[in-house]
């Protein structure tokens, strides 16, 4: 098909008549994520840093969380009436990260002629057909168009087209002399007045006149017969004008009369293209949802016409197209990581996307990036301390709400500035934030710890997973969770529950061990419950309170106090 085969609507035709719907371009979004099972500092840091980025001009930067918010985190955000970051459980490749929103759609009532004009300029070569509300109905593509044209042009059957008089007039660029029920779309047989008059009269009598479209040149007797018979429409070719008498009769009979500027053969050909695009499109092509995984749609996409599929939202409205070529382009999202820098602790699927920045206060892990990035790592008690400092360095004033959240992040991760990880920078920043927010540090700390320490009625699995981190030392994987309580005896009473969950986690991850540090926030001491491979237990030379339970006097920090102990035990196990 030649590039200029479909010249399109005549000059001056309005956008409403052509019924073209354009999607707006989808801006690449930046997500700020804390670690996979986020604690309060992680969620606060993500929310605060995304706010800072927006204040500095990155309008498309938003906070996200990969796990369920803990009761302590929910308390903090509810108390200061701040929305929790968006919950995105994983970043496995999905349609919404790759599809092209710069997509044209065509209304189902558009003529095939106008739609094919748009299809020639479309990339990929397919157009979603939609209703008046933009909901997907079918897909227009060259294969479907060709199949329908072959069916209509079959010489062994009578030609009939489903069209309206208005569509016919538009495609023919015709002068409408008389219009009757011009918007009504119905199937009409086509009769061309090519034979002598008596033969034509006999032929016309074999068709239902109220549905028939007659095409004739400058033949007055044919005009009169067609109009007198009450045909649906008379199309006069070569710009010929019927008599006034015939026009008046057409108005009386309710017969539409169109004056085509083209010859009879061209007019007949174009009449086929006056059909609504819904009659030439493929309703069997099933669209995909924005939230479908790429793995799920892969086979359908490979088999689709032009290897492209429409993308719809939950209401069925077309929001774009996705093609196989889109999967080779950069996705529509980029990532900033806060409060972690190890792949095992990041949201699942993060390796599929570009990491722009990492802001953390933990040890360095084995994170690799394709491009140079901004990496800020400071030995302080909370990532919230670092983020608050970045507000100060960039001269961005803190609102009372944001100062309150950041203060809570610091107090949460440092046990109200009592943890061994607490630094002078944490204390100084906490004082500054408390002044901005007009809050009492001690009172706020007690409220936060109270919200965190209630474990009654909460499932053991939820408690273990709410702040669980995965590590690897010397090639040996393991997990360490932390729970804060007001009474260690209550936690000890649930030892069997905790051990069952820990062993299940260890077996699932094929880990060397899974542990939970249960910290008494009133006495600032802890116990550790451990589920491990039997041959590792002989290397655990820690004070033992009872089977699988170890005393961790004055240990409250997983990062600074517990991890060095566990790392040394793993090293000894590896050297055995």
Protein backbone atom coordinates (compact mmCIF):
# COMPACT_ATOMS: atom_id res chain seq x y z
CA UNK A 1 0.00 0.00 0.00
CA UNK A 2 1.45 3.37 -1.01
CA UNK A 3 2.24 5.92 1.67
CA UNK A 4 -0.15 8.46 0.14
CA UNK A 5 -2.92 5.96 -0.58
CA UNK A 6 -5.13 7.52 2.09
CA UNK A 7 -4.89 11.31 1.82
CA UNK A 8 -7.08 11.87 4.87
CA UNK A 9 -9.96 14.19 5.63
CA UNK A 10 -10.37 17.40 3.64
CA UNK A 11 -8.72 20.62 4.87
CA UNK A 12 -10.57 22.32 7.69
CA UNK A 13 -12.20 19.17 9.10
CA UNK A 14 -12.26 19.47 12.90
CA UNK A 15 -10.43 17.24 15.35
CA UNK A 16 -13.78 16.21 16.82
CA UNK A 17 -14.92 14.88 13.42
CA UNK A 18 -11.77 12.81 13.02
CA UNK A 19 -12.24 11.50 16.57
CA UNK A 20 -8.56 11.16 17.44
CA UNK A 21 -7.67 10.63 21.10
CA UNK A 22 -4.04 11.24 22.10
CA UNK A 23 -2.40 9.98 25.26
CA UNK A 24 -0.14 12.39 27.12
CA UNK A 25 3.52 11.45 27.41
CA UNK A 26 4.36 9.48 30.52
CA UNK A 27 7.17 11.12 32.46
CA UNK A 28 9.79 8.83 33.91
CA UNK A 29 9.09 8.42 37.63
CA UNK A 30 11.74 8.16 40.33
CA UNK A 31 10.90 6.01 43.37
CA UNK A 32 12.71 6.36 46.70
CA UNK A 33 12.70 2.98 48.45
CA UNK A 34 13.78 1.89 51.88
CA UNK A 35 14.74 -1.74 52.50
CA UNK A 36 12.48 -4.70 51.81
CA UNK A 37 11.02 -4.98 55.33
CA UNK A 38 11.13 -1.31 56.25
CA UNK A 39 11.43 0.01 59.78
CA UNK A 40 10.36 3.51 60.79
CA UNK A 41 13.69 5.16 59.88
CA UNK A 42 13.58 3.56 56.43
CA UNK A 43 10.04 4.75 55.65
CA UNK A 44 10.62 8.22 57.10
CA UNK A 45 13.87 8.62 55.15
CA UNK A 46 12.15 7.65 51.90
CA UNK A 47 9.30 10.11 52.46
CA UNK A 48 11.59 12.94 53.54
CA UNK A 49 14.16 12.48 50.78
CA UNK A 50 11.48 12.31 48.07
CA UNK A 51 10.12 15.56 49.50
CA UNK A 52 13.57 17.14 49.32
CA UNK A 53 14.05 16.05 45.71
CA UNK A 54 10.71 17.59 44.74
CA UNK A 55 11.61 20.81 46.56
CA UNK A 56 14.83 20.92 44.53
CA UNK A 57 12.95 20.61 41.25
CA UNK A 58 12.58 16.87 40.62
CA UNK A 59 8.80 16.90 40.47
CA UNK A 60 8.44 13.24 39.47
CA UNK A 61 10.13 11.80 42.59
CA UNK A 62 7.97 9.83 45.05
CA UNK A 63 8.49 7.69 48.12
CA UNK A 64 7.58 4.01 48.13
CA UNK A 65 7.77 1.07 50.53
CA UNK A 66 8.20 -2.58 49.69
CA UNK A 67 6.72 -3.99 52.89
CA UNK A 68 3.92 -3.56 55.37
CA UNK A 69 4.34 -0.63 57.72
CA UNK A 70 4.97 -1.64 61.32
CA UNK A 71 2.64 -0.40 64.09
CA UNK A 72 5.38 2.03 65.14
CA UNK A 73 5.65 3.44 61.62
CA UNK A 74 1.87 3.71 61.29
CA UNK A 75 1.71 5.51 64.64
CA UNK A 76 4.31 8.06 63.53
CA UNK A 77 2.65 8.87 60.22
CA UNK A 78 -0.86 8.92 61.71
CA UNK A 79 0.18 11.15 64.60
CA UNK A 80 1.56 13.80 62.27
CA UNK A 81 -1.17 13.32 59.64
CA UNK A 82 1.32 12.41 56.92
CA UNK A 83 0.48 9.91 54.15
CA UNK A 84 2.45 6.68 54.14
CA UNK A 85 4.59 6.16 51.02
CA UNK A 86 2.99 4.14 48.22
CA UNK A 87 3.07 0.37 48.79
CA UNK A 88 4.86 -1.38 45.89
CA UNK A 89 5.59 -4.96 46.95
CA UNK A 90 8.03 -5.68 44.13
CA UNK A 91 9.63 -4.20 41.02
CA UNK A 92 9.36 -7.25 38.80
CA UNK A 93 9.01 -5.93 35.22
CA UNK A 94 5.42 -4.88 34.52
CA UNK A 95 3.61 -3.38 31.56
CA UNK A 96 3.30 0.02 33.27
CA UNK A 97 7.11 0.36 33.41
CA UNK A 98 7.60 -0.12 29.67
CA UNK A 99 4.48 0.81 27.69
CA UNK A 100 4.26 3.82 25.40
CA UNK A 101 1.54 6.30 26.45
CA UNK A 102 1.98 8.40 23.30
CA UNK A 103 -0.73 6.45 21.58
CA UNK A 104 -3.49 7.43 19.17
CA UNK A 105 -6.87 5.78 19.40
CA UNK A 106 -9.76 5.96 16.94
CA UNK A 107 -13.43 6.20 17.72
CA UNK A 108 -15.47 3.23 16.54
CA UNK A 109 -17.60 5.51 14.32
CA UNK A 110 -14.65 6.95 12.38
CA UNK A 111 -14.55 5.95 8.71
CA UNK A 112 -12.11 3.27 7.61
CA UNK A 113 -10.61 5.81 5.18
CA UNK A 114 -9.67 8.27 7.93
CA UNK A 115 -8.55 5.48 10.27
CA UNK A 116 -6.25 3.95 7.66
CA UNK A 117 -4.71 7.39 7.09
CA UNK A 118 -3.79 7.45 10.79
CA UNK A 119 -2.64 3.82 10.76
CA UNK A 120 0.00 4.60 8.11
CA UNK A 121 1.63 7.11 10.46
CA UNK A 122 1.23 4.93 13.57
CA UNK A 123 4.15 3.22 15.27
CA UNK A 124 3.56 0.41 16.08
CA UNK A 125 1.29 -0.20 13.03
CA UNK A 126 -1.90 -0.84 15.02
CA UNK A 127 -4.62 1.41 16.40
CA UNK A 128 -6.95 0.69 19.33
CA UNK A 129 -10.61 1.27 18.47
CA UNK A 130 -12.53 2.81 21.39
CA UNK A 131 -15.99 3.95 22.36
CA UNK A 132 -16.94 7.54 23.21
CA UNK A 133 -15.46 7.12 26.72
CA UNK A 134 -12.13 5.77 25.47
CA UNK A 135 -12.84 2.15 26.43
CA UNK A 136 -11.15 -0.49 24.28
CA UNK A 137 -13.29 -2.36 21.73
CA UNK A 138 -10.96 -3.79 19.06
CA UNK A 139 -7.65 -3.35 17.26
CA UNK A 140 -7.22 -2.02 13.72
CA UNK A 141 -4.24 -3.49 11.88
CA UNK A 142 -3.29 -4.20 8.28
CA UNK A 143 -3.96 -7.94 8.36
CA UNK A 144 -7.51 -7.51 9.58
CA UNK A 145 -8.11 -4.70 7.08
CA UNK A 146 -6.84 -6.80 4.17
CA UNK A 147 -8.97 -9.79 5.13
CA UNK A 148 -12.12 -7.67 5.30
CA UNK A 149 -11.41 -5.96 1.97
CA UNK A 150 -10.98 -9.35 0.26
CA UNK A 151 -14.27 -10.50 1.71
CA UNK A 152 -16.12 -7.38 0.53
CA UNK A 153 -14.62 -7.51 -2.96
CA UNK A 154 -15.53 -11.14 -3.58
CA UNK A 155 -17.21 -11.12 -7.06
CA UNK A 156 -19.23 -14.21 -6.18
CA UNK A 157 -21.35 -12.36 -3.68
CA UNK A 158 -23.26 -9.11 -3.71
CA UNK A 159 -21.40 -6.15 -2.28
CA UNK A 160 -22.93 -4.62 0.83
CA UNK A 161 -21.38 -2.13 3.22
CA UNK A 162 -22.27 -1.09 6.73
CA UNK A 163 -22.16 2.69 6.79
CA UNK A 164 -24.01 5.94 7.40
CA UNK A 165 -24.84 8.64 4.88
CA UNK A 166 -22.67 11.12 6.78
CA UNK A 167 -19.65 8.78 6.70
CA UNK A 168 -20.23 8.22 3.01
CA UNK A 169 -20.39 11.98 2.35
CA UNK A 170 -17.19 12.53 4.36
CA UNK A 171 -15.11 9.91 2.54
CA UNK A 172 -16.39 10.98 -0.90
CA UNK A 173 -15.90 14.67 -0.10
CA UNK A 174 -19.43 14.82 -1.48
CA UNK A 175 -21.90 17.69 -1.66
CA UNK A 176 -24.92 16.65 0.41
CA UNK A 177 -27.98 17.77 -1.54
CA UNK A 178 -30.56 15.95 0.59
CA UNK A 179 -29.95 14.18 3.91
CA UNK A 180 -32.27 11.74 5.61
CA UNK A 181 -31.40 9.80 8.78
CA UNK A 182 -27.81 10.60 7.95
CA UNK A 183 -26.19 9.28 11.17
CA UNK A 184 -27.88 5.89 11.10
CA UNK A 185 -25.39 3.08 10.50
CA UNK A 186 -26.79 0.01 8.77
CA UNK A 187 -25.82 -2.54 6.14
CA UNK A 188 -26.65 -1.48 2.56
CA UNK A 189 -26.28 -3.32 -0.75
CA UNK A 190 -24.61 -1.31 -3.53
CA UNK A 191 -26.19 -1.08 -6.98
CA UNK A 192 -24.22 0.64 -9.78
CA UNK A 193 -26.32 1.90 -12.71
CA UNK A 194 -24.03 0.57 -15.43
CA UNK A 195 -26.63 -1.35 -17.50
CA UNK A 196 -29.26 0.08 -19.84
CA UNK A 197 -32.37 1.42 -18.12
CA UNK A 198 -34.68 -1.64 -18.32
CA UNK A 199 -31.95 -3.98 -17.12
CA UNK A 200 -31.16 -1.61 -14.26
CA UNK A 201 -34.86 -1.43 -13.35
CA UNK A 202 -35.02 -5.22 -13.17
CA UNK A 203 -31.84 -5.36 -11.07
CA UNK A 204 -33.02 -2.69 -8.62
CA UNK A 205 -36.26 -4.56 -8.04
CA UNK A 206 -34.29 -7.48 -6.53
CA UNK A 207 -33.02 -5.32 -3.63
CA UNK A 208 -34.91 -3.93 -0.60
CA UNK A 209 -35.07 -0.24 -1.61
CA UNK A 210 -35.03 1.24 1.91
CA UNK A 211 -31.49 -0.16 2.46
CA UNK A 212 -30.05 0.19 -1.05
CA UNK A 213 -27.44 2.74 -2.16
CA UNK A 214 -27.55 3.53 -5.89
CA UNK A 215 -24.52 4.95 -7.73
CA UNK A 216 -25.21 6.60 -11.07
CA UNK A 217 -23.73 9.12 -13.46
CA UNK A 218 -25.66 11.83 -15.32
CA UNK A 219 -28.73 9.66 -16.03
CA UNK A 220 -31.98 11.45 -15.23
CA UNK A 221 -34.18 8.37 -15.76
CA UNK A 222 -32.08 6.39 -13.26
CA UNK A 223 -32.25 9.24 -10.75
CA UNK A 224 -36.02 9.35 -11.02
CA UNK A 225 -36.46 5.57 -10.72
CA UNK A 226 -34.15 5.30 -7.72
CA UNK A 227 -35.80 8.16 -5.85
CA UNK A 228 -39.32 7.02 -6.73
CA UNK A 229 -38.42 3.53 -5.45
CA UNK A 230 -37.43 5.04 -2.08
CA UNK A 231 -33.82 3.91 -1.99
CA UNK A 232 -31.72 4.79 1.01
CA UNK A 233 -29.31 7.03 -0.92
CA UNK A 234 -28.58 8.12 -4.46
CA UNK A 235 -24.94 9.00 -5.20
CA UNK A 236 -24.51 10.98 -8.42
CA UNK A 237 -20.94 10.83 -9.76
CA UNK A 238 -18.65 13.21 -11.69
CA UNK A 239 -20.12 16.21 -9.88
CA UNK A 240 -23.35 16.01 -11.92
CA UNK A 241 -26.37 17.74 -10.43
CA UNK A 242 -29.84 16.10 -10.56
CA UNK A 243 -32.85 18.19 -11.54
CA UNK A 244 -34.72 20.35 -9.07
CA UNK A 245 -37.76 18.13 -9.63
CA UNK A 246 -35.80 15.06 -8.51
CA UNK A 247 -34.41 16.92 -5.52
CA UNK A 248 -37.92 17.85 -4.37
CA UNK A 249 -39.05 14.25 -4.85
CA UNK A 250 -36.05 13.02 -2.79
CA UNK A 251 -36.98 15.34 0.07
CA UNK A 252 -40.57 14.05 -0.08
CA UNK A 253 -39.48 10.37 -0.18
CA UNK A 254 -36.75 10.71 2.47
CA UNK A 255 -34.00 9.71 0.05
CA UNK A 256 -30.50 11.07 0.68
CA UNK A 257 -28.82 12.55 -2.41
CA UNK A 258 -25.02 13.03 -2.55
CA UNK A 259 -22.98 14.60 -5.35
CA UNK A 260 -19.60 12.83 -5.65
CA UNK A 261 -16.73 14.71 -7.35
CA UNK A 262 -15.21 11.40 -8.48
CA UNK A 263 -16.04 9.11 -11.41
CA UNK A 264 -18.25 6.08 -10.94
CA UNK A 265 -15.46 3.50 -10.45
CA UNK A 266 -13.60 5.67 -7.91
CA UNK A 267 -16.82 6.46 -6.07
CA UNK A 268 -17.70 2.78 -5.84
CA UNK A 269 -14.25 1.93 -4.49
CA UNK A 270 -14.32 4.70 -1.92
CA UNK A 271 -17.74 3.67 -0.71
CA UNK A 272 -16.19 0.58 0.90
CA UNK A 273 -13.90 2.86 2.93
CA UNK A 274 -16.88 4.75 4.33
CA UNK A 275 -17.61 1.88 6.69
CA UNK A 276 -17.04 2.64 10.41
CA UNK A 277 -13.68 1.40 11.62
CA UNK A 278 -15.42 -0.96 14.05
CA UNK A 279 -16.51 -3.05 11.05
CA UNK A 280 -12.90 -3.52 9.87
CA UNK A 281 -11.12 -4.07 13.20
CA UNK A 282 -10.19 -7.19 15.14
CA UNK A 283 -12.21 -7.64 18.32
CA UNK A 284 -10.38 -10.87 19.15
CA UNK A 285 -7.20 -9.06 20.22
CA UNK A 286 -7.29 -8.94 24.02
CA UNK A 287 -5.68 -5.89 25.68
CA UNK A 288 -3.28 -6.09 28.63
CA UNK A 289 -3.54 -4.35 31.99
CA UNK A 290 -1.00 -1.84 33.28
CA UNK A 291 -0.19 -4.12 36.22
CA UNK A 292 0.32 -7.32 34.21
CA UNK A 293 3.82 -8.74 34.43
CA UNK A 294 5.96 -8.84 31.31
CA UNK A 295 6.37 -12.56 31.83
CA UNK A 296 2.58 -13.01 31.77
CA UNK A 297 2.02 -11.13 28.50
CA UNK A 298 5.15 -12.31 26.65
CA UNK A 299 3.50 -15.04 24.58
CA UNK A 300 0.44 -12.92 23.70
CA UNK A 301 2.71 -10.04 22.69
CA UNK A 302 4.80 -12.27 20.41
CA UNK A 303 1.66 -13.53 18.65
CA UNK A 304 -0.10 -10.14 18.43
CA UNK A 305 -0.52 -8.24 15.11
CA UNK A 306 2.57 -6.08 14.68
CA UNK A 307 3.82 -7.59 17.96
CA UNK A 308 1.98 -4.87 19.86
CA UNK A 309 -0.99 -4.80 22.23
CA UNK A 310 -3.26 -2.09 23.68
CA UNK A 311 -2.79 -1.26 27.37
CA UNK A 312 -5.89 -0.49 29.44
CA UNK A 313 -6.57 0.64 32.99
CA UNK A 314 -8.94 -1.12 35.38
CA UNK A 315 -11.91 0.58 33.69
CA UNK A 316 -10.92 -0.69 30.25
CA UNK A 317 -9.85 2.76 29.04
CA UNK A 318 -6.90 2.68 26.64
CA UNK A 319 -3.84 4.33 28.18
CA UNK A 320 -1.21 3.31 25.64
CA UNK A 321 0.39 0.54 23.59
CA UNK A 322 3.18 -1.89 24.33
CA UNK A 323 5.33 -3.57 21.71
CA UNK A 324 8.23 -5.99 21.80
CA UNK A 325 10.49 -3.06 20.91
CA UNK A 326 9.46 -1.24 24.09
CA UNK A 327 10.97 -4.02 26.17
CA UNK A 328 14.42 -3.19 24.79
CA UNK A 329 14.19 0.43 25.87
CA UNK A 330 14.84 1.85 29.33
CA UNK A 331 11.86 1.41 31.67
CA UNK A 332 9.78 4.35 32.85
CA UNK A 333 11.10 4.28 36.42
CA UNK A 334 14.40 4.85 38.21
CA UNK A 335 15.33 4.10 41.80
CA UNK A 336 16.88 5.86 44.81
CA UNK A 337 17.75 3.60 47.75
CA UNK A 338 17.75 4.84 51.35
CA UNK A 339 18.69 3.09 54.61
CA UNK A 340 20.26 0.11 52.82
CA UNK A 341 22.81 -0.68 50.14
CA UNK A 342 22.77 -4.47 49.89
CA UNK A 343 20.89 -6.22 47.03
CA UNK A 344 19.49 -8.85 49.41
CA UNK A 345 17.70 -6.12 51.38
CA UNK A 346 16.39 -4.17 48.39
CA UNK A 347 12.91 -4.44 46.92
CA UNK A 348 12.59 -7.53 44.73
CA UNK A 349 13.38 -6.80 41.08
CA UNK A 350 15.48 -3.67 41.72
CA UNK A 351 18.23 -5.05 39.46
CA UNK A 352 16.04 -4.33 36.42
CA UNK A 353 16.25 -0.55 36.86
CA UNK A 354 18.78 2.23 37.03
CA UNK A 355 19.80 3.19 40.57
CA UNK A 356 20.45 6.92 40.79
CA UNK A 357 21.48 7.40 44.44
CA UNK A 358 22.08 5.52 47.68
CA UNK A 359 21.82 7.20 51.09
CA UNK A 360 22.63 4.96 54.04
CA UNK A 361 24.27 4.51 57.43
CA UNK A 362 24.99 0.78 57.31
CA UNK A 363 28.04 -1.22 56.32
CA UNK A 364 28.86 -1.42 52.60
CA UNK A 365 27.37 -4.41 50.80
CA UNK A 366 27.96 -5.92 47.37
CA UNK A 367 25.86 -3.45 45.36
CA UNK A 368 26.92 -2.91 41.75
CA UNK A 369 25.58 -0.20 39.42
CA UNK A 370 25.93 0.31 35.67
CA UNK A 371 26.63 4.04 35.94
CA UNK A 372 28.33 6.28 38.51
CA UNK A 373 25.87 7.33 41.22
CA UNK A 374 25.59 9.62 44.22
CA UNK A 375 26.47 7.50 47.26
CA UNK A 376 26.20 9.04 50.73
CA UNK A 377 27.13 6.78 53.65
CA UNK A 378 27.77 8.17 57.11
CA UNK A 379 28.41 6.42 60.45
CA UNK A 380 25.42 7.88 62.28
CA UNK A 381 22.54 6.31 64.19
CA UNK A 382 19.81 6.88 61.60
CA UNK A 383 19.44 7.61 57.91
CA UNK A 384 16.94 10.29 58.97
CA UNK A 385 19.90 12.21 60.43
CA UNK A 386 21.60 12.22 57.02
CA UNK A 387 18.43 13.28 55.17
CA UNK A 388 17.74 16.08 57.64
CA UNK A 389 21.30 17.28 57.08
CA UNK A 390 20.73 17.33 53.33
CA UNK A 391 17.78 19.67 53.84
CA UNK A 392 20.12 21.96 55.74
CA UNK A 393 22.93 21.73 53.16
CA UNK A 394 20.54 22.57 50.32
CA UNK A 395 18.93 25.44 52.24
CA UNK A 396 15.47 23.88 52.05
CA UNK A 397 13.35 24.84 55.08
CA UNK A 398 11.62 22.02 56.93
CA UNK A 399 7.90 22.10 57.58
CA UNK A 400 6.77 21.21 61.09
CA UNK A 401 5.35 17.94 59.72
CA UNK A 402 8.58 16.92 57.99
CA UNK A 403 10.71 17.90 60.99
CA UNK A 404 8.44 15.77 63.20
CA UNK A 405 8.78 12.75 60.92
CA UNK A 406 12.57 13.04 60.70
CA UNK A 407 12.82 13.42 64.48
CA UNK A 408 10.74 10.25 64.89
CA UNK A 409 13.03 8.42 62.44
CA UNK A 410 16.08 9.33 64.51
CA UNK A 411 14.49 8.47 67.85
CA UNK A 412 13.16 5.18 66.51
CA UNK A 413 16.49 3.96 65.14
CA UNK A 414 18.51 5.11 68.17
CA UNK A 415 16.06 4.02 70.89
CA UNK A 416 15.51 7.66 71.86
CA UNK A 417 19.24 8.41 71.54
CA UNK A 418 20.17 5.56 73.93
CA UNK A 419 21.49 3.04 71.39
CA UNK A 420 25.20 2.38 71.01
CA UNK A 421 24.92 3.64 67.43
CA UNK A 422 23.91 7.14 68.57
CA UNK A 423 26.40 9.87 67.62
CA UNK A 424 26.80 13.53 68.46
CA UNK A 425 25.41 14.31 65.01
CA UNK A 426 22.20 12.42 65.86
CA UNK A 427 21.78 14.29 69.15
CA UNK A 428 22.44 17.67 67.57
CA UNK A 429 20.06 17.02 64.70
CA UNK A 430 17.36 15.71 67.06
CA UNK A 431 17.57 18.92 69.12
CA UNK A 432 17.26 21.08 66.00
CA UNK A 433 14.30 19.11 64.67
CA UNK A 434 12.57 19.18 68.05
CA UNK A 435 12.86 22.98 68.07
CA UNK A 436 11.39 23.27 64.56
CA UNK A 437 8.52 20.89 65.41
CA UNK A 438 8.08 22.19 68.97
CA UNK A 439 8.25 18.66 70.41
CA UNK A 440 9.72 17.21 73.60
CA UNK A 441 12.28 14.52 72.73
CA UNK A 442 11.80 12.38 75.85
CA UNK A 443 8.01 12.42 75.69
CA UNK A 444 7.95 11.71 71.96
CA UNK A 445 10.46 8.89 72.41
CA UNK A 446 8.29 7.24 75.05
CA UNK A 447 5.24 7.45 72.79
CA UNK A 448 7.14 5.88 69.90
CA UNK A 449 8.55 3.06 72.03
CA UNK A 450 5.10 2.36 73.49
CA UNK A 451 3.66 2.01 69.99
CA UNK A 452 6.48 -0.36 69.04
CA UNK A 453 6.54 -2.61 72.08
CA UNK A 454 3.04 -4.10 72.05
CA UNK A 455 3.31 -7.61 70.54
CA UNK A 456 0.16 -9.06 72.09
CA UNK A 457 -2.22 -10.51 69.54
CA UNK A 458 0.16 -10.03 66.64
CA UNK A 459 1.15 -13.16 64.66
CA UNK A 460 4.68 -14.41 65.13
CA UNK A 461 5.32 -14.37 61.38
CA UNK A 462 4.34 -10.70 61.16
CA UNK A 463 6.63 -9.83 64.07
CA UNK A 464 9.58 -11.71 62.59
CA UNK A 465 9.18 -10.27 59.10
CA UNK A 466 8.35 -6.65 59.97
CA UNK A 467 12.04 -5.81 60.38
CA UNK A 468 13.95 -8.73 58.88
CA UNK A 469 17.16 -8.23 56.95
CA UNK A 470 19.03 -10.72 54.80
CA UNK A 471 22.82 -10.88 54.90
CA UNK A 472 25.64 -12.98 53.49
CA UNK A 473 29.06 -13.53 55.04
CA UNK A 474 31.73 -15.60 53.34
CA UNK A 475 29.12 -16.96 50.97
CA UNK A 476 26.79 -18.00 53.79
CA UNK A 477 23.30 -16.43 53.73
CA UNK A 478 21.38 -15.68 56.93
CA UNK A 479 18.62 -13.42 58.21
CA UNK A 480 18.39 -11.28 61.32
CA UNK A 481 15.15 -9.75 62.57
CA UNK A 482 14.63 -7.34 65.45
CA UNK A 483 11.62 -6.85 67.70
CA UNK A 484 11.28 -4.17 70.37
CA UNK A 485 9.28 -5.08 73.49
CA UNK A 486 8.53 -3.67 76.91
CA UNK A 487 8.77 -7.08 78.62
CA UNK A 488 11.12 -9.92 77.61
CA UNK A 489 9.06 -12.50 79.51
CA UNK A 490 6.11 -12.12 77.17
CA UNK A 491 8.43 -12.71 74.20
CA UNK A 492 10.00 -15.76 75.87
CA UNK A 493 6.55 -17.20 76.36
CA UNK A 494 6.16 -17.21 72.58
CA UNK A 495 9.53 -18.85 71.88
CA UNK A 496 8.03 -21.89 70.17
CA UNK A 497 6.07 -19.69 67.75
CA UNK A 498 9.13 -17.61 66.92
CA UNK A 499 11.32 -20.68 66.40
CA UNK A 500 8.80 -22.24 64.04
CA UNK A 501 8.74 -19.10 61.86
CA UNK A 502 12.53 -18.71 61.99
CA UNK A 503 13.13 -22.31 60.94
CA UNK A 504 10.66 -21.92 58.08
CA UNK A 505 12.46 -18.77 56.91
CA UNK A 506 15.85 -20.45 57.22
CA UNK A 507 14.76 -23.48 55.21
CA UNK A 508 13.04 -21.34 52.58
CA UNK A 509 16.15 -19.21 52.04
CA UNK A 510 18.52 -22.20 52.42
CA UNK A 511 20.27 -20.05 54.98
CA UNK A 512 22.85 -20.96 57.59
CA UNK A 513 20.60 -19.55 60.31
CA UNK A 514 17.73 -17.18 61.03
CA UNK A 515 17.76 -15.13 64.21
CA UNK A 516 15.62 -12.57 65.96
CA UNK A 517 17.02 -10.01 68.38
CA UNK A 518 14.32 -9.18 70.93
CA UNK A 519 15.19 -5.89 72.61
CA UNK A 520 13.80 -4.69 75.95
CA UNK A 521 13.47 -0.96 75.30
CA UNK A 522 13.08 -0.16 79.02
CA UNK A 523 16.20 -1.98 80.23
CA UNK A 524 18.19 -1.58 76.97
CA UNK A 525 19.17 -5.23 76.76
CA UNK A 526 18.20 -8.15 74.52
CA UNK A 527 17.84 -11.86 73.97
CA UNK A 528 18.42 -13.68 70.68
CA UNK A 529 16.35 -16.63 69.49
CA UNK A 530 18.21 -18.70 66.90
CA UNK A 531 17.17 -21.36 64.38
CA UNK A 532 20.28 -22.77 62.69
CA UNK A 533 21.87 -25.72 60.96
CA UNK A 534 22.97 -28.18 63.66
CA UNK A 535 26.66 -28.02 62.71
CA UNK A 536 26.65 -24.23 63.12
CA UNK A 537 25.25 -24.30 66.67
CA UNK A 538 28.50 -25.67 68.12
CA UNK A 539 30.22 -22.42 67.11
CA UNK A 540 27.67 -20.23 68.90
CA UNK A 541 29.59 -19.67 72.14
CA UNK A 542 27.24 -17.04 73.55
CA UNK A 543 25.68 -16.98 77.03
CA UNK A 544 22.71 -19.31 76.84
CA UNK A 545 19.49 -18.73 78.74
CA UNK A 546 17.72 -21.87 77.46
CA UNK A 547 17.59 -23.95 74.29
CA UNK A 548 17.83 -21.68 71.22
CA UNK A 549 17.76 -18.55 73.41
CA UNK A 550 20.92 -16.50 74.04
CA UNK A 551 21.50 -13.63 76.46
CA UNK A 552 22.72 -10.46 74.77
CA UNK A 553 23.48 -8.15 77.70
CA UNK A 554 23.44 -4.46 76.78
CA UNK A 555 23.08 -5.29 73.07
CA UNK A 556 20.39 -3.12 71.43
CA UNK A 557 21.85 -2.40 67.98
CA UNK A 558 21.62 -5.06 65.29
CA UNK A 559 23.93 -3.06 63.03
CA UNK A 560 26.72 -2.02 65.41
CA UNK A 561 26.62 -4.63 68.17
CA UNK A 562 25.00 -7.86 66.96
CA UNK A 563 26.26 -8.05 63.38
CA UNK A 564 29.98 -8.01 64.29
CA UNK A 565 29.35 -10.93 66.68
CA UNK A 566 27.43 -12.93 64.09
CA UNK A 567 29.99 -12.19 61.37
CA UNK A 568 32.78 -13.54 63.57
CA UNK A 569 30.78 -16.72 64.28
CA UNK A 570 30.21 -17.27 60.55
CA UNK A 571 33.92 -16.75 59.84
CA UNK A 572 34.83 -19.37 62.47
CA UNK A 573 32.30 -21.76 60.97
CA UNK A 574 33.81 -21.28 57.50
CA UNK A 575 37.34 -21.93 58.79
CA UNK A 576 36.39 -25.18 60.49
